[in-house]
Amino acid sequence: MPKKWSKYVTEHSFALDLEEGIFTWDDPKRIAKSLKNSAEASTSKKAGPFQSSMSMLNFYINRAGKNLSPQRKKILEEAKVELRKLFDKEQG
């Protein structure tokens, strides 16, 4: 396993086939919808579509860490809220 395992996982994982540049988009609803579509279309995921899409989003946020601008983090956190809405999940 390479030193940067998270980069390896992102580049070689077949769990979700994500649209290119998805985490750079400025529209949280678009990000959430794309994640949902990818999760529902995937045949190799181990969890349900909601868990798979939320896990991928959290993985990206955690991997980016301090390199994520406050504005980008806000957009991605809003995408989590939109994902919950799309999957009809109540928060907390």
N, C-alpha and C. Protein backbone atom coordinates (compact mmCIF):
# COMPACT_ATOMS: atom_id res chain seq x y z
N MET A 1 0.86 -1.18 0.00
CA MET A 1 0.00 0.00 0.00
C MET A 1 0.90 1.24 0.00
N PRO A 2 0.60 2.18 -0.87
CA PRO A 2 1.41 3.39 -0.93
C PRO A 2 1.33 4.21 0.35
N LYS A 3 2.26 5.15 0.49
CA LYS A 3 2.31 6.00 1.67
C LYS A 3 1.01 6.80 1.83
N LYS A 4 0.49 7.32 0.74
CA LYS A 4 -0.76 8.11 0.78
C LYS A 4 -1.92 7.17 0.43
N TRP A 5 -2.33 6.36 1.39
CA TRP A 5 -3.36 5.35 1.14
C TRP A 5 -4.69 5.97 0.72
N SER A 6 -5.00 7.17 1.23
CA SER A 6 -6.28 7.79 0.89
C SER A 6 -6.33 8.15 -0.59
N LYS A 7 -5.20 8.61 -1.13
CA LYS A 7 -5.14 8.91 -2.56
C LYS A 7 -5.32 7.62 -3.36
N TYR A 8 -4.69 6.56 -2.92
CA TYR A 8 -4.81 5.27 -3.59
C TYR A 8 -6.27 4.81 -3.59
N VAL A 9 -6.93 4.91 -2.45
CA VAL A 9 -8.33 4.48 -2.35
C VAL A 9 -9.20 5.31 -3.28
N THR A 10 -8.98 6.63 -3.27
CA THR A 10 -9.78 7.51 -4.11
C THR A 10 -9.60 7.17 -5.59
N GLU A 11 -8.38 6.87 -5.98
CA GLU A 11 -8.10 6.61 -7.39
C GLU A 11 -8.45 5.20 -7.83
N HIS A 12 -8.45 4.23 -6.91
CA HIS A 12 -8.62 2.83 -7.30
C HIS A 12 -9.87 2.16 -6.75
N SER A 13 -10.67 2.89 -5.98
CA SER A 13 -11.87 2.31 -5.44
C SER A 13 -12.94 2.21 -6.51
N PHE A 14 -13.62 1.07 -6.55
CA PHE A 14 -14.69 0.87 -7.51
C PHE A 14 -16.05 0.93 -6.83
N ALA A 15 -16.08 1.35 -5.56
CA ALA A 15 -17.33 1.38 -4.82
C ALA A 15 -18.33 2.33 -5.47
N LEU A 16 -17.89 3.50 -5.83
CA LEU A 16 -18.76 4.46 -6.49
C LEU A 16 -18.02 5.04 -7.69
N ASP A 17 -18.71 5.15 -8.80
CA ASP A 17 -18.15 5.77 -10.00
C ASP A 17 -18.61 7.22 -10.00
N LEU A 18 -17.76 8.11 -9.49
CA LEU A 18 -18.13 9.51 -9.30
C LEU A 18 -17.86 10.33 -10.55
N GLU A 19 -18.68 11.35 -10.73
CA GLU A 19 -18.44 12.28 -11.83
C GLU A 19 -17.14 13.04 -11.56
N GLU A 20 -16.42 13.32 -12.62
CA GLU A 20 -15.15 14.01 -12.48
C GLU A 20 -15.35 15.41 -11.89
N GLY A 21 -14.54 15.74 -10.90
CA GLY A 21 -14.57 17.06 -10.29
C GLY A 21 -15.74 17.32 -9.35
N ILE A 22 -16.46 16.27 -8.99
CA ILE A 22 -17.67 16.43 -8.17
C ILE A 22 -17.44 17.26 -6.91
N PHE A 23 -16.31 17.08 -6.25
CA PHE A 23 -16.08 17.78 -4.99
C PHE A 23 -15.59 19.21 -5.18
N THR A 24 -15.45 19.64 -6.43
CA THR A 24 -15.07 21.03 -6.70
C THR A 24 -16.26 21.87 -7.13
N TRP A 25 -17.41 21.24 -7.31
CA TRP A 25 -18.61 21.97 -7.72
C TRP A 25 -19.06 22.91 -6.62
N ASP A 26 -19.75 23.98 -7.00
CA ASP A 26 -20.20 24.99 -6.04
C ASP A 26 -21.65 24.81 -5.60
N ASP A 27 -22.35 23.86 -6.18
CA ASP A 27 -23.77 23.65 -5.86
C ASP A 27 -23.95 22.39 -5.00
N PRO A 28 -24.24 22.56 -3.70
CA PRO A 28 -24.40 21.40 -2.81
C PRO A 28 -25.48 20.42 -3.28
N LYS A 29 -26.56 20.96 -3.87
CA LYS A 29 -27.63 20.08 -4.36
C LYS A 29 -27.15 19.22 -5.52
N ARG A 30 -26.35 19.81 -6.39
CA ARG A 30 -25.81 19.06 -7.53
C ARG A 30 -24.85 17.96 -7.04
N ILE A 31 -24.02 18.30 -6.07
CA ILE A 31 -23.09 17.32 -5.50
C ILE A 31 -23.88 16.16 -4.90
N ALA A 32 -24.89 16.49 -4.10
CA ALA A 32 -25.69 15.46 -3.43
C ALA A 32 -26.41 14.59 -4.44
N LYS A 33 -26.99 15.19 -5.46
CA LYS A 33 -27.73 14.42 -6.47
C LYS A 33 -26.80 13.49 -7.23
N SER A 34 -25.62 13.97 -7.56
CA SER A 34 -24.65 13.14 -8.28
C SER A 34 -24.18 11.97 -7.41
N LEU A 35 -23.90 12.25 -6.12
CA LEU A 35 -23.50 11.18 -5.20
C LEU A 35 -24.60 10.13 -5.08
N LYS A 36 -25.83 10.59 -4.96
CA LYS A 36 -26.98 9.68 -4.84
C LYS A 36 -27.10 8.82 -6.09
N ASN A 37 -27.01 9.45 -7.26
CA ASN A 37 -27.11 8.69 -8.52
C ASN A 37 -25.99 7.66 -8.64
N SER A 38 -24.77 8.05 -8.28
CA SER A 38 -23.64 7.13 -8.34
C SER A 38 -23.83 5.95 -7.39
N ALA A 39 -24.30 6.25 -6.18
CA ALA A 39 -24.50 5.19 -5.18
C ALA A 39 -25.60 4.23 -5.60
N GLU A 40 -26.67 4.77 -6.17
CA GLU A 40 -27.77 3.90 -6.59
C GLU A 40 -27.41 3.06 -7.81
N ALA A 41 -26.51 3.57 -8.65
CA ALA A 41 -26.11 2.84 -9.85
C ALA A 41 -25.01 1.81 -9.58
N SER A 42 -24.31 1.95 -8.46
CA SER A 42 -23.19 1.07 -8.17
C SER A 42 -23.65 -0.35 -7.83
N THR A 43 -22.93 -1.31 -8.37
CA THR A 43 -23.23 -2.71 -8.06
C THR A 43 -22.18 -3.30 -7.12
N SER A 44 -21.14 -2.52 -6.79
CA SER A 44 -20.06 -3.07 -5.97
C SER A 44 -19.99 -2.49 -4.56
N LYS A 45 -20.98 -1.70 -4.19
CA LYS A 45 -20.95 -1.12 -2.84
C LYS A 45 -21.35 -2.17 -1.81
N LYS A 46 -20.85 -1.99 -0.59
CA LYS A 46 -21.15 -2.94 0.48
C LYS A 46 -22.27 -2.45 1.38
N ALA A 47 -22.54 -1.15 1.36
CA ALA A 47 -23.60 -0.57 2.19
C ALA A 47 -24.72 -0.08 1.27
N GLY A 48 -25.78 0.45 1.87
CA GLY A 48 -26.87 1.01 1.09
C GLY A 48 -26.45 2.29 0.40
N PRO A 49 -27.26 2.79 -0.53
CA PRO A 49 -26.90 4.00 -1.28
C PRO A 49 -26.66 5.23 -0.39
N PHE A 50 -27.48 5.42 0.64
CA PHE A 50 -27.28 6.58 1.50
C PHE A 50 -25.95 6.49 2.22
N GLN A 51 -25.68 5.36 2.84
CA GLN A 51 -24.44 5.18 3.59
C GLN A 51 -23.22 5.29 2.66
N SER A 52 -23.32 4.72 1.48
CA SER A 52 -22.20 4.77 0.53
C SER A 52 -21.89 6.20 0.09
N SER A 53 -22.94 6.95 -0.24
CA SER A 53 -22.71 8.31 -0.71
C SER A 53 -22.23 9.22 0.42
N MET A 54 -22.79 9.07 1.62
CA MET A 54 -22.36 9.88 2.76
C MET A 54 -20.92 9.51 3.15
N SER A 55 -20.59 8.25 3.08
CA SER A 55 -19.23 7.82 3.42
C SER A 55 -18.21 8.41 2.45
N MET A 56 -18.54 8.42 1.18
CA MET A 56 -17.62 8.98 0.19
C MET A 56 -17.42 10.48 0.42
N LEU A 57 -18.49 11.18 0.74
CA LEU A 57 -18.41 12.61 1.01
C LEU A 57 -17.58 12.87 2.27
N ASN A 58 -17.84 12.12 3.33
CA ASN A 58 -17.05 12.27 4.56
C ASN A 58 -15.59 11.91 4.34
N PHE A 59 -15.35 10.87 3.57
CA PHE A 59 -13.98 10.45 3.26
C PHE A 59 -13.23 11.60 2.59
N TYR A 60 -13.88 12.23 1.62
CA TYR A 60 -13.23 13.33 0.91
C TYR A 60 -12.95 14.51 1.86
N ILE A 61 -13.93 14.88 2.66
CA ILE A 61 -13.76 15.99 3.61
C ILE A 61 -12.62 15.69 4.58
N ASN A 62 -12.59 14.49 5.11
CA ASN A 62 -11.54 14.12 6.07
C ASN A 62 -10.18 14.04 5.41
N ARG A 63 -10.13 13.55 4.19
CA ARG A 63 -8.86 13.41 3.47
C ARG A 63 -8.28 14.79 3.16
N ALA A 64 -9.14 15.73 2.78
CA ALA A 64 -8.67 17.07 2.44
C ALA A 64 -8.19 17.82 3.68
N GLY A 65 -8.86 17.57 4.81
CA GLY A 65 -8.43 18.14 6.08
C GLY A 65 -8.21 19.63 6.07
N LYS A 66 -7.03 20.04 6.52
CA LYS A 66 -6.71 21.46 6.65
C LYS A 66 -6.55 22.14 5.30
N ASN A 67 -6.39 21.38 4.23
CA ASN A 67 -6.22 21.95 2.90
C ASN A 67 -7.54 22.43 2.31
N LEU A 68 -8.64 22.11 2.96
CA LEU A 68 -9.96 22.49 2.49
C LEU A 68 -10.26 23.92 2.95
N SER A 69 -10.59 24.79 2.00
CA SER A 69 -10.92 26.17 2.38
C SER A 69 -12.23 26.18 3.16
N PRO A 70 -12.43 27.18 4.00
CA PRO A 70 -13.69 27.27 4.75
C PRO A 70 -14.91 27.29 3.82
N GLN A 71 -14.79 27.98 2.68
CA GLN A 71 -15.90 28.04 1.72
C GLN A 71 -16.19 26.66 1.14
N ARG A 72 -15.13 25.93 0.76
CA ARG A 72 -15.31 24.59 0.17
C ARG A 72 -15.92 23.66 1.21
N LYS A 73 -15.42 23.73 2.45
CA LYS A 73 -15.95 22.87 3.52
C LYS A 73 -17.43 23.16 3.75
N LYS A 74 -17.81 24.43 3.72
CA LYS A 74 -19.21 24.81 3.91
C LYS A 74 -20.08 24.20 2.80
N ILE A 75 -19.62 24.27 1.58
CA ILE A 75 -20.37 23.70 0.46
C ILE A 75 -20.53 22.19 0.65
N LEU A 76 -19.46 21.52 1.04
CA LEU A 76 -19.52 20.06 1.22
C LEU A 76 -20.38 19.68 2.41
N GLU A 77 -20.35 20.48 3.47
CA GLU A 77 -21.23 20.22 4.62
C GLU A 77 -22.69 20.42 4.22
N GLU A 78 -22.95 21.42 3.37
CA GLU A 78 -24.31 21.63 2.87
C GLU A 78 -24.74 20.46 1.99
N ALA A 79 -23.80 19.87 1.27
CA ALA A 79 -24.11 18.71 0.43
C ALA A 79 -24.56 17.53 1.30
N LYS A 80 -24.02 17.42 2.52
CA LYS A 80 -24.48 16.37 3.45
C LYS A 80 -25.95 16.58 3.79
N VAL A 81 -26.31 17.83 4.06
CA VAL A 81 -27.71 18.16 4.38
C VAL A 81 -28.61 17.80 3.20
N GLU A 82 -28.16 18.14 2.00
CA GLU A 82 -28.94 17.84 0.80
C GLU A 82 -29.06 16.34 0.57
N LEU A 83 -28.00 15.60 0.87
CA LEU A 83 -28.06 14.13 0.75
C LEU A 83 -29.12 13.56 1.68
N ARG A 84 -29.14 14.06 2.91
CA ARG A 84 -30.15 13.58 3.86
C ARG A 84 -31.56 13.86 3.34
N LYS A 85 -31.74 15.03 2.74
CA LYS A 85 -33.05 15.39 2.18
C LYS A 85 -33.41 14.44 1.03
N LEU A 86 -32.45 14.21 0.13
CA LEU A 86 -32.70 13.35 -1.03
C LEU A 86 -33.08 11.93 -0.61
N PHE A 87 -32.45 11.45 0.45
CA PHE A 87 -32.73 10.09 0.93
C PHE A 87 -33.80 10.08 2.00
N ASP A 88 -34.39 11.24 2.26
CA ASP A 88 -35.46 11.37 3.24
C ASP A 88 -35.02 10.90 4.62
N LYS A 89 -33.84 11.32 5.02
CA LYS A 89 -33.27 10.96 6.33
C LYS A 89 -33.35 12.18 7.23
N GLU A 90 -33.84 11.99 8.43
CA GLU A 90 -33.90 13.07 9.40
C GLU A 90 -32.55 13.17 10.10
N GLN A 91 -32.12 14.40 10.35
CA GLN A 91 -30.86 14.58 11.07
C GLN A 91 -31.11 14.49 12.56
N GLY A 92 -30.28 13.68 13.19
CA GLY A 92 -30.16 13.56 14.52
C GLY A 92 -30.94 13.42 15.63
